[in-house]
Amino acid sequence: MPIVTIQVTREGTKPGADCVTAEEKAQLIKGVSQVLLDVLNKPLESTFVVIEEVPTDNWGWGGLPALEYRKLKAAKSA
């Protein structure tokens, strides 16, 4: 019984959205489940997918909080 956890930042993927939509989550669940079926021959009904939305304040990389890192990266690109 595979259990897959997907972590994403809690922010919208489209203007005006502040989280991943239900439709996007459904696509993630379907796609990951299909990969496990195709690669490991795990039946869809035995695969569990958990999606965790993490506030951007609790996410970081490059030694910085996510939003600060993005600002720094954007400034370097400009």
Protein backbone atom coordinates (compact mmCIF):
# COMPACT_ATOMS: atom_id res chain seq x y z
CA MET A 1 0.00 0.00 0.00
CA PRO A 2 1.92 3.06 -1.19
CA ILE A 3 1.38 6.37 0.56
CA VAL A 4 2.63 9.43 -1.30
CA THR A 5 2.84 12.85 0.30
CA ILE A 6 3.02 15.91 -1.94
CA GLN A 7 3.94 19.21 -0.32
CA VAL A 8 3.19 22.45 -2.11
CA THR A 9 3.27 26.04 -0.98
CA ARG A 10 -0.12 27.45 -0.03
CA GLU A 11 -0.50 29.95 -2.81
CA GLY A 12 -2.53 30.11 -5.92
CA THR A 13 -1.42 28.94 -9.31
CA LYS A 14 -3.67 31.48 -11.00
CA PRO A 15 -4.38 35.18 -10.34
CA GLY A 16 -6.79 35.63 -7.45
CA ALA A 17 -6.28 32.12 -6.06
CA ASP A 18 -4.67 31.60 -2.66
CA CYS A 19 -4.34 27.80 -2.75
CA VAL A 20 -4.14 24.87 -5.09
CA THR A 21 -7.59 24.26 -6.54
CA ALA A 22 -9.61 21.10 -6.00
CA GLU A 23 -9.26 20.33 -9.71
CA GLU A 24 -5.46 20.65 -9.53
CA LYS A 25 -5.37 18.39 -6.48
CA ALA A 26 -7.50 15.82 -8.29
CA GLN A 27 -5.07 15.88 -11.23
CA LEU A 28 -2.10 15.38 -8.88
CA ILE A 29 -3.81 12.44 -7.17
CA LYS A 30 -4.74 10.84 -10.48
CA GLY A 31 -1.31 11.36 -12.02
CA VAL A 32 0.72 10.09 -9.06
CA SER A 33 -1.56 7.08 -8.66
CA GLN A 34 -1.16 6.27 -12.36
CA VAL A 35 2.65 6.48 -12.11
CA LEU A 36 2.64 3.98 -9.24
CA LEU A 37 0.40 1.68 -11.27
CA ASP A 38 2.61 1.97 -14.36
CA VAL A 39 5.98 1.68 -12.61
CA LEU A 40 5.32 -0.53 -9.58
CA ASN A 41 2.10 -2.25 -10.66
CA LYS A 42 0.32 -0.90 -7.56
CA PRO A 43 -3.47 -0.89 -8.00
CA LEU A 44 -5.14 2.51 -7.93
CA GLU A 45 -7.38 1.46 -5.04
CA SER A 46 -4.37 0.65 -2.84
CA THR A 47 -2.54 3.94 -3.40
CA PHE A 48 -3.03 6.82 -0.99
CA VAL A 49 -2.02 10.38 -1.91
CA VAL A 50 -1.81 13.14 0.70
CA ILE A 51 -1.45 16.76 -0.40
CA GLU A 52 -0.10 19.16 2.20
CA GLU A 53 -0.27 22.88 1.57
CA VAL A 54 2.47 24.66 3.47
CA PRO A 55 2.22 28.42 4.16
CA THR A 56 4.98 30.30 2.36
CA ASP A 57 6.15 31.55 5.78
CA ASN A 58 7.02 27.93 6.61
CA TRP A 59 8.88 27.23 3.38
CA GLY A 60 12.36 28.28 2.35
CA TRP A 61 15.43 27.48 0.33
CA GLY A 62 18.79 29.00 -0.37
CA GLY A 63 19.00 29.88 3.32
CA LEU A 64 16.06 32.27 3.09
CA PRO A 65 12.29 32.23 3.55
CA ALA A 66 10.63 31.45 0.19
CA LEU A 67 9.28 34.94 -0.51
CA GLU A 68 12.62 36.60 0.30
CA TYR A 69 14.46 34.11 -1.92
CA ARG A 70 12.09 34.85 -4.79
CA LYS A 71 12.58 38.60 -4.38
CA LEU A 72 16.36 38.18 -4.37
CA LYS A 73 16.25 35.95 -7.44
CA ALA A 74 13.95 38.40 -9.28
CA ALA A 75 16.26 41.32 -8.45
CA LYS A 76 19.25 39.41 -9.85
CA SER A 77 17.34 38.63 -13.05
CA ALA A 78 16.35 42.26 -13.62
